[in-house]
N, C-alpha and C. Protein backbone atom coordinates (compact mmCIF):
# COMPACT_ATOMS: atom_id res chain seq x y z
N MET A 1 0.85 -1.19 0.00
CA MET A 1 0.00 0.00 0.00
C MET A 1 0.88 1.24 0.00
N ASP A 2 0.79 2.06 -1.02
CA ASP A 2 1.54 3.30 -1.11
C ASP A 2 0.66 4.43 -0.61
N PRO A 3 1.00 5.04 0.52
CA PRO A 3 0.16 6.09 1.07
C PRO A 3 0.12 7.33 0.18
N PHE A 4 0.99 7.41 -0.79
CA PHE A 4 1.06 8.58 -1.65
C PHE A 4 0.50 8.33 -3.05
N GLN A 5 -0.18 7.20 -3.26
CA GLN A 5 -0.66 6.85 -4.59
C GLN A 5 -1.59 7.91 -5.17
N HIS A 6 -2.52 8.41 -4.36
CA HIS A 6 -3.45 9.43 -4.86
C HIS A 6 -2.70 10.70 -5.26
N MET A 7 -1.68 11.06 -4.49
CA MET A 7 -0.87 12.23 -4.81
C MET A 7 -0.10 12.01 -6.10
N HIS A 8 0.41 10.80 -6.30
CA HIS A 8 1.13 10.49 -7.54
C HIS A 8 0.20 10.61 -8.75
N ASP A 9 -1.03 10.12 -8.59
CA ASP A 9 -2.01 10.21 -9.68
C ASP A 9 -2.31 11.67 -10.00
N TRP A 10 -2.46 12.48 -8.96
CA TRP A 10 -2.72 13.91 -9.13
C TRP A 10 -1.55 14.58 -9.85
N LYS A 11 -0.33 14.24 -9.44
CA LYS A 11 0.89 14.78 -10.06
C LYS A 11 0.94 14.40 -11.54
N ASP A 12 0.68 13.15 -11.85
CA ASP A 12 0.70 12.70 -13.24
C ASP A 12 -0.32 13.46 -14.08
N ASN A 13 -1.51 13.71 -13.51
CA ASN A 13 -2.53 14.48 -14.24
C ASN A 13 -2.07 15.91 -14.49
N LEU A 14 -1.42 16.55 -13.51
CA LEU A 14 -0.91 17.91 -13.70
C LEU A 14 0.19 17.93 -14.76
N ASP A 15 1.09 16.94 -14.70
CA ASP A 15 2.15 16.85 -15.70
C ASP A 15 1.56 16.70 -17.10
N GLN A 16 0.51 15.91 -17.20
CA GLN A 16 -0.13 15.68 -18.50
C GLN A 16 -0.83 16.95 -18.98
N PHE A 17 -1.48 17.68 -18.06
CA PHE A 17 -2.20 18.89 -18.43
C PHE A 17 -1.26 20.02 -18.82
N PHE A 18 -0.23 20.27 -17.98
CA PHE A 18 0.69 21.38 -18.22
C PHE A 18 1.86 20.99 -19.12
N GLY A 19 2.06 19.71 -19.33
CA GLY A 19 3.15 19.24 -20.18
C GLY A 19 4.44 19.07 -19.39
N GLY A 20 5.27 18.16 -19.87
CA GLY A 20 6.58 17.93 -19.24
C GLY A 20 6.47 17.43 -17.83
N ASN A 21 7.41 17.87 -17.02
CA ASN A 21 7.46 17.48 -15.62
C ASN A 21 7.15 18.68 -14.74
N PHE A 22 5.95 19.23 -14.91
CA PHE A 22 5.51 20.43 -14.21
C PHE A 22 5.70 20.33 -12.71
N TRP A 23 5.39 19.20 -12.14
CA TRP A 23 5.31 19.06 -10.69
C TRP A 23 6.65 18.72 -10.03
N ASP A 24 7.71 18.45 -10.79
CA ASP A 24 8.98 18.02 -10.21
C ASP A 24 9.52 18.98 -9.16
N ASP A 25 9.38 20.28 -9.37
CA ASP A 25 9.89 21.26 -8.40
C ASP A 25 9.13 21.23 -7.08
N PHE A 26 7.94 20.63 -7.08
CA PHE A 26 7.12 20.59 -5.88
C PHE A 26 7.10 19.20 -5.24
N GLU A 27 7.88 18.28 -5.79
CA GLU A 27 7.86 16.87 -5.35
C GLU A 27 8.09 16.74 -3.84
N HIS A 28 9.01 17.56 -3.29
CA HIS A 28 9.31 17.47 -1.86
C HIS A 28 8.10 17.80 -0.98
N MET A 29 7.11 18.48 -1.53
CA MET A 29 5.91 18.80 -0.76
C MET A 29 4.98 17.59 -0.65
N ILE A 30 5.04 16.73 -1.66
CA ILE A 30 4.20 15.54 -1.68
C ILE A 30 4.80 14.46 -0.79
N LYS A 31 6.05 14.21 -1.01
CA LYS A 31 6.72 13.10 -0.34
C LYS A 31 8.13 13.54 0.00
N PRO A 32 8.52 13.42 1.23
CA PRO A 32 9.88 13.86 1.59
C PRO A 32 10.91 13.01 0.85
N PRO A 33 12.06 13.60 0.52
CA PRO A 33 13.08 12.82 -0.18
C PRO A 33 13.58 11.67 0.69
N ILE A 34 13.68 10.52 0.07
CA ILE A 34 14.11 9.31 0.77
C ILE A 34 15.35 8.79 0.07
N PRO A 35 16.39 8.51 0.77
CA PRO A 35 16.62 8.73 2.19
C PRO A 35 16.99 10.18 2.48
N ALA A 36 16.78 10.58 3.71
CA ALA A 36 17.14 11.94 4.14
C ALA A 36 18.67 12.05 4.22
N VAL A 37 19.19 13.20 3.80
CA VAL A 37 20.64 13.42 3.83
C VAL A 37 20.96 14.77 4.46
N ASN A 38 22.11 14.83 5.09
CA ASN A 38 22.74 16.08 5.51
C ASN A 38 24.06 16.14 4.77
N MET A 39 24.38 17.31 4.20
CA MET A 39 25.62 17.44 3.43
C MET A 39 26.41 18.62 3.98
N TYR A 40 27.70 18.40 4.18
CA TYR A 40 28.59 19.43 4.69
C TYR A 40 29.73 19.63 3.70
N GLU A 41 29.98 20.89 3.38
CA GLU A 41 31.06 21.22 2.44
C GLU A 41 32.23 21.81 3.21
N LEU A 42 33.41 21.25 2.95
CA LEU A 42 34.66 21.79 3.46
C LEU A 42 35.40 22.38 2.26
N ASP A 43 36.60 22.87 2.43
CA ASP A 43 37.33 23.48 1.31
C ASP A 43 37.42 22.57 0.11
N ASN A 44 37.90 21.36 0.31
CA ASN A 44 38.11 20.43 -0.80
C ASN A 44 37.43 19.09 -0.58
N GLU A 45 36.43 19.07 0.29
CA GLU A 45 35.76 17.82 0.61
C GLU A 45 34.27 18.05 0.81
N VAL A 46 33.53 16.98 0.68
CA VAL A 46 32.10 16.96 1.01
C VAL A 46 31.87 15.73 1.87
N ILE A 47 31.14 15.92 2.94
CA ILE A 47 30.75 14.79 3.79
C ILE A 47 29.23 14.71 3.76
N VAL A 48 28.72 13.54 3.41
CA VAL A 48 27.28 13.33 3.30
C VAL A 48 26.87 12.26 4.33
N TYR A 49 25.88 12.60 5.14
CA TYR A 49 25.31 11.65 6.08
C TYR A 49 23.95 11.24 5.53
N VAL A 50 23.73 9.92 5.47
CA VAL A 50 22.50 9.39 4.87
C VAL A 50 21.77 8.58 5.93
N ASN A 51 20.50 8.92 6.17
CA ASN A 51 19.69 8.23 7.16
C ASN A 51 19.05 7.00 6.52
N LEU A 52 19.45 5.83 6.96
CA LEU A 52 18.95 4.57 6.41
C LEU A 52 18.43 3.67 7.53
N PRO A 53 17.29 4.03 8.12
CA PRO A 53 16.77 3.23 9.22
C PRO A 53 16.49 1.79 8.80
N GLY A 54 16.91 0.87 9.62
CA GLY A 54 16.67 -0.54 9.35
C GLY A 54 17.72 -1.19 8.47
N ILE A 55 18.59 -0.42 7.85
CA ILE A 55 19.64 -0.99 7.00
C ILE A 55 20.79 -1.43 7.89
N LYS A 56 21.02 -2.72 7.91
CA LYS A 56 22.10 -3.27 8.75
C LYS A 56 23.26 -3.78 7.90
N ASP A 57 22.96 -4.14 6.68
CA ASP A 57 23.97 -4.74 5.81
C ASP A 57 24.27 -3.79 4.66
N ARG A 58 25.52 -3.51 4.44
CA ARG A 58 25.93 -2.57 3.38
C ARG A 58 25.48 -3.03 2.00
N LYS A 59 25.19 -4.31 1.85
CA LYS A 59 24.74 -4.84 0.56
C LYS A 59 23.30 -4.44 0.24
N GLN A 60 22.59 -3.87 1.21
CA GLN A 60 21.20 -3.46 1.01
C GLN A 60 21.09 -2.11 0.31
N VAL A 61 22.19 -1.39 0.17
CA VAL A 61 22.16 -0.07 -0.45
C VAL A 61 23.31 0.06 -1.44
N LYS A 62 23.07 0.76 -2.54
CA LYS A 62 24.08 1.00 -3.56
C LYS A 62 24.34 2.50 -3.61
N VAL A 63 25.61 2.87 -3.76
CA VAL A 63 26.01 4.27 -3.85
C VAL A 63 26.80 4.44 -5.14
N TYR A 64 26.40 5.43 -5.93
CA TYR A 64 27.08 5.73 -7.19
C TYR A 64 27.46 7.21 -7.21
N VAL A 65 28.58 7.51 -7.84
CA VAL A 65 28.99 8.90 -8.02
C VAL A 65 29.32 9.09 -9.48
N ASP A 66 28.76 10.16 -10.06
CA ASP A 66 29.04 10.51 -11.44
C ASP A 66 29.39 11.99 -11.49
N TYR A 67 30.66 12.29 -11.46
CA TYR A 67 31.21 13.64 -11.56
C TYR A 67 30.76 14.53 -10.39
N ASP A 68 29.55 15.09 -10.44
CA ASP A 68 29.08 15.95 -9.36
C ASP A 68 27.67 15.56 -8.88
N VAL A 69 27.33 14.27 -9.08
CA VAL A 69 26.03 13.76 -8.64
C VAL A 69 26.23 12.48 -7.84
N LEU A 70 25.61 12.44 -6.67
CA LEU A 70 25.62 11.26 -5.82
C LEU A 70 24.28 10.57 -5.97
N GLU A 71 24.30 9.25 -6.22
CA GLU A 71 23.05 8.50 -6.39
C GLU A 71 22.99 7.39 -5.36
N LEU A 72 21.84 7.26 -4.72
CA LEU A 72 21.62 6.26 -3.68
C LEU A 72 20.44 5.39 -4.09
N LYS A 73 20.61 4.07 -3.97
CA LYS A 73 19.54 3.12 -4.30
C LYS A 73 19.50 2.04 -3.24
N GLY A 74 18.31 1.54 -2.98
CA GLY A 74 18.18 0.46 -2.02
C GLY A 74 16.73 0.21 -1.68
N THR A 75 16.51 -0.48 -0.56
CA THR A 75 15.17 -0.80 -0.11
C THR A 75 15.08 -0.61 1.40
N LEU A 76 14.10 0.17 1.83
CA LEU A 76 13.81 0.30 3.25
C LEU A 76 12.69 -0.68 3.57
N PHE A 77 12.85 -1.44 4.64
CA PHE A 77 11.90 -2.48 4.96
C PHE A 77 10.78 -1.94 5.84
N PRO A 78 9.56 -2.45 5.62
CA PRO A 78 8.42 -1.95 6.40
C PRO A 78 8.50 -2.39 7.86
N VAL A 79 7.85 -1.60 8.68
CA VAL A 79 7.70 -1.94 10.09
C VAL A 79 6.74 -3.13 10.16
N LYS A 80 7.04 -4.08 11.04
CA LYS A 80 6.15 -5.24 11.18
C LYS A 80 4.78 -4.76 11.63
N GLN A 81 3.76 -5.20 10.91
CA GLN A 81 2.42 -4.71 11.16
C GLN A 81 1.59 -5.70 11.95
N SER A 82 0.78 -5.17 12.83
CA SER A 82 -0.25 -5.96 13.49
C SER A 82 -1.38 -4.99 13.79
N GLY A 83 -2.57 -5.38 13.48
CA GLY A 83 -3.72 -4.50 13.66
C GLY A 83 -3.97 -3.66 12.43
N LYS A 84 -4.94 -2.77 12.54
CA LYS A 84 -5.36 -1.92 11.42
C LYS A 84 -4.47 -0.68 11.36
N LEU A 85 -3.96 -0.37 10.17
CA LEU A 85 -3.12 0.80 9.97
C LEU A 85 -3.99 2.06 10.05
N ILE A 86 -3.65 2.96 10.95
CA ILE A 86 -4.40 4.20 11.13
C ILE A 86 -3.64 5.38 10.55
N LYS A 87 -2.34 5.38 10.71
CA LYS A 87 -1.50 6.47 10.23
C LYS A 87 -0.17 5.89 9.79
N GLN A 88 0.35 6.37 8.65
CA GLN A 88 1.63 5.86 8.17
C GLN A 88 2.54 7.02 7.79
N GLU A 89 3.63 7.17 8.53
CA GLU A 89 4.63 8.20 8.25
C GLU A 89 6.00 7.59 7.99
N ILE A 90 6.21 6.37 8.42
CA ILE A 90 7.49 5.70 8.19
C ILE A 90 7.41 5.04 6.82
N LEU A 91 8.14 5.61 5.89
CA LEU A 91 8.10 5.12 4.53
C LEU A 91 8.95 3.87 4.38
N HIS A 92 8.57 3.04 3.41
CA HIS A 92 9.32 1.82 3.15
C HIS A 92 9.24 1.52 1.67
N GLY A 93 10.03 0.57 1.26
CA GLY A 93 10.04 0.18 -0.14
C GLY A 93 11.32 0.63 -0.82
N GLU A 94 11.35 0.47 -2.13
CA GLU A 94 12.54 0.82 -2.90
C GLU A 94 12.70 2.33 -2.97
N PHE A 95 13.95 2.76 -2.95
CA PHE A 95 14.23 4.18 -3.11
C PHE A 95 15.35 4.36 -4.12
N SER A 96 15.33 5.50 -4.75
CA SER A 96 16.38 5.91 -5.67
C SER A 96 16.42 7.42 -5.60
N ARG A 97 17.55 7.96 -5.22
CA ARG A 97 17.66 9.40 -5.04
C ARG A 97 18.98 9.89 -5.60
N LYS A 98 18.92 11.00 -6.35
CA LYS A 98 20.12 11.66 -6.85
C LYS A 98 20.27 12.98 -6.11
N VAL A 99 21.50 13.25 -5.67
CA VAL A 99 21.79 14.47 -4.93
C VAL A 99 22.92 15.20 -5.65
N ASP A 100 22.68 16.45 -5.99
CA ASP A 100 23.72 17.25 -6.63
C ASP A 100 24.78 17.62 -5.61
N LEU A 101 26.03 17.43 -5.97
CA LEU A 101 27.15 17.79 -5.12
C LEU A 101 27.59 19.21 -5.45
N PRO A 102 28.22 19.92 -4.52
CA PRO A 102 28.60 21.32 -4.78
C PRO A 102 29.74 21.48 -5.78
N PHE A 103 30.45 20.39 -6.07
CA PHE A 103 31.54 20.42 -7.04
C PHE A 103 31.83 19.01 -7.50
N PRO A 104 32.54 18.86 -8.64
CA PRO A 104 32.93 17.52 -9.10
C PRO A 104 33.86 16.86 -8.08
N VAL A 105 33.75 15.53 -7.97
CA VAL A 105 34.57 14.81 -6.99
C VAL A 105 35.43 13.75 -7.66
N ARG A 106 36.49 13.40 -6.97
CA ARG A 106 37.42 12.38 -7.46
C ARG A 106 36.80 10.99 -7.27
N GLU A 107 36.91 10.17 -8.29
CA GLU A 107 36.39 8.81 -8.20
C GLU A 107 37.28 7.92 -7.35
N ASP A 108 38.56 8.25 -7.26
CA ASP A 108 39.51 7.39 -6.55
C ASP A 108 39.63 7.72 -5.06
N ARG A 109 38.90 8.72 -4.57
CA ARG A 109 39.00 9.09 -3.15
C ARG A 109 37.61 9.23 -2.54
N ILE A 110 36.87 8.14 -2.56
CA ILE A 110 35.53 8.13 -1.99
C ILE A 110 35.47 7.00 -0.96
N THR A 111 34.98 7.31 0.22
CA THR A 111 34.78 6.26 1.23
C THR A 111 33.34 6.35 1.73
N ALA A 112 32.79 5.20 2.06
CA ALA A 112 31.44 5.14 2.62
C ALA A 112 31.44 4.11 3.75
N THR A 113 30.89 4.50 4.88
CA THR A 113 30.78 3.58 6.02
C THR A 113 29.33 3.57 6.50
N LEU A 114 28.92 2.44 7.06
CA LEU A 114 27.56 2.27 7.56
C LEU A 114 27.62 1.80 9.00
N LYS A 115 26.96 2.54 9.88
CA LYS A 115 26.92 2.16 11.29
C LYS A 115 25.55 2.50 11.85
N GLN A 116 24.84 1.50 12.32
CA GLN A 116 23.53 1.65 12.96
C GLN A 116 22.56 2.49 12.13
N GLY A 117 22.49 2.21 10.83
CA GLY A 117 21.53 2.89 9.97
C GLY A 117 21.93 4.28 9.51
N LEU A 118 23.17 4.69 9.79
CA LEU A 118 23.66 5.98 9.33
C LEU A 118 24.88 5.75 8.45
N MET A 119 24.76 6.16 7.19
CA MET A 119 25.88 6.03 6.26
C MET A 119 26.60 7.36 6.19
N THR A 120 27.93 7.31 6.22
CA THR A 120 28.77 8.49 6.07
C THR A 120 29.57 8.32 4.78
N ILE A 121 29.42 9.28 3.87
CA ILE A 121 30.13 9.24 2.59
C ILE A 121 31.07 10.44 2.55
N HIS A 122 32.34 10.16 2.32
CA HIS A 122 33.38 11.20 2.30
C HIS A 122 33.90 11.30 0.88
N LEU A 123 33.77 12.49 0.29
CA LEU A 123 34.16 12.72 -1.10
C LEU A 123 35.18 13.86 -1.16
N HIS A 124 36.06 13.80 -2.13
CA HIS A 124 37.11 14.81 -2.29
C HIS A 124 36.95 15.54 -3.62
N ARG A 125 37.20 16.83 -3.59
CA ARG A 125 37.07 17.68 -4.78
C ARG A 125 38.00 17.21 -5.88
N LEU A 126 37.49 17.23 -7.10
CA LEU A 126 38.29 16.94 -8.27
C LEU A 126 39.02 18.22 -8.65
N VAL A 127 40.33 18.21 -8.48
CA VAL A 127 41.13 19.38 -8.81
C VAL A 127 41.98 19.01 -10.01
N ASN A 128 41.76 19.71 -11.09
CA ASN A 128 42.50 19.44 -12.31
C ASN A 128 43.45 20.60 -12.55
N ASN A 129 44.73 20.39 -12.24
CA ASN A 129 45.72 21.45 -12.39
C ASN A 129 46.18 21.61 -13.82
N LYS A 130 45.88 20.64 -14.63
CA LYS A 130 46.33 20.67 -16.02
C LYS A 130 45.34 21.45 -16.87
N LYS A 131 45.82 22.50 -17.48
CA LYS A 131 44.99 23.22 -18.42
C LYS A 131 45.12 22.53 -19.76
N LYS A 132 44.01 22.30 -20.38
CA LYS A 132 44.02 21.61 -21.66
C LYS A 132 43.72 22.62 -22.76
N LYS A 133 44.67 22.77 -23.62
CA LYS A 133 44.55 23.71 -24.72
C LYS A 133 44.38 22.91 -26.00
N HIS A 134 43.29 23.15 -26.68
CA HIS A 134 42.99 22.42 -27.90
C HIS A 134 42.98 23.38 -29.08
N ALA A 135 43.62 22.99 -30.15
CA ALA A 135 43.58 23.78 -31.37
C ALA A 135 42.27 23.53 -32.09
N ILE A 136 41.67 24.57 -32.58
CA ILE A 136 40.41 24.47 -33.28
C ILE A 136 40.65 24.66 -34.77
N ASP A 137 40.20 23.74 -35.56
CA ASP A 137 40.34 23.88 -37.01
C ASP A 137 39.36 24.93 -37.51
N ILE A 138 39.87 25.85 -38.34
CA ILE A 138 39.03 26.89 -38.92
C ILE A 138 38.82 26.55 -40.37
N GLU A 139 37.56 26.45 -40.74
CA GLU A 139 37.24 26.11 -42.12
C GLU A 139 37.09 27.38 -42.95
N GLU A 140 37.42 27.27 -44.18
CA GLU A 140 37.27 28.37 -45.13
C GLU A 140 35.79 28.50 -45.49
N PHE A 141 35.25 29.70 -45.35
CA PHE A 141 33.85 29.94 -45.68
C PHE A 141 33.75 30.27 -47.16
N GLU A 142 32.97 29.52 -47.85
CA GLU A 142 32.79 29.76 -49.27
C GLU A 142 31.39 30.29 -49.51
N GLU A 143 31.31 31.34 -50.31
CA GLU A 143 30.01 31.95 -50.60
C GLU A 143 29.35 31.33 -51.79
């Protein structure tokens, strides 16, 4: 049971009416981003804390980095249920979230640790000291 199904249907209808992905900028109002993250920027580093309640095994979550985007994928498990559900605020199920980083990061200097449902990801700024100068071919314009 997805507690946000009616909201998703409403969003899809708005996207269809206004065209494109009209509602994307308002997505956080419908459903909070999962998983929740705190990000701290230092001079040449970024530290990201990711809240992953119930995740005990690092194999339950995947972390990807592409230049200046951090992507998190995994599954949060539901709370064991007994009785009739009256209110649901603890989200569960598959998640996929992309987080923009404040700068490009090095692929060879990334660490991630998981302890008691809190993942810490440490990333280092990509510093390219080499200036690349490329010659551009100029074509003759013929009238």
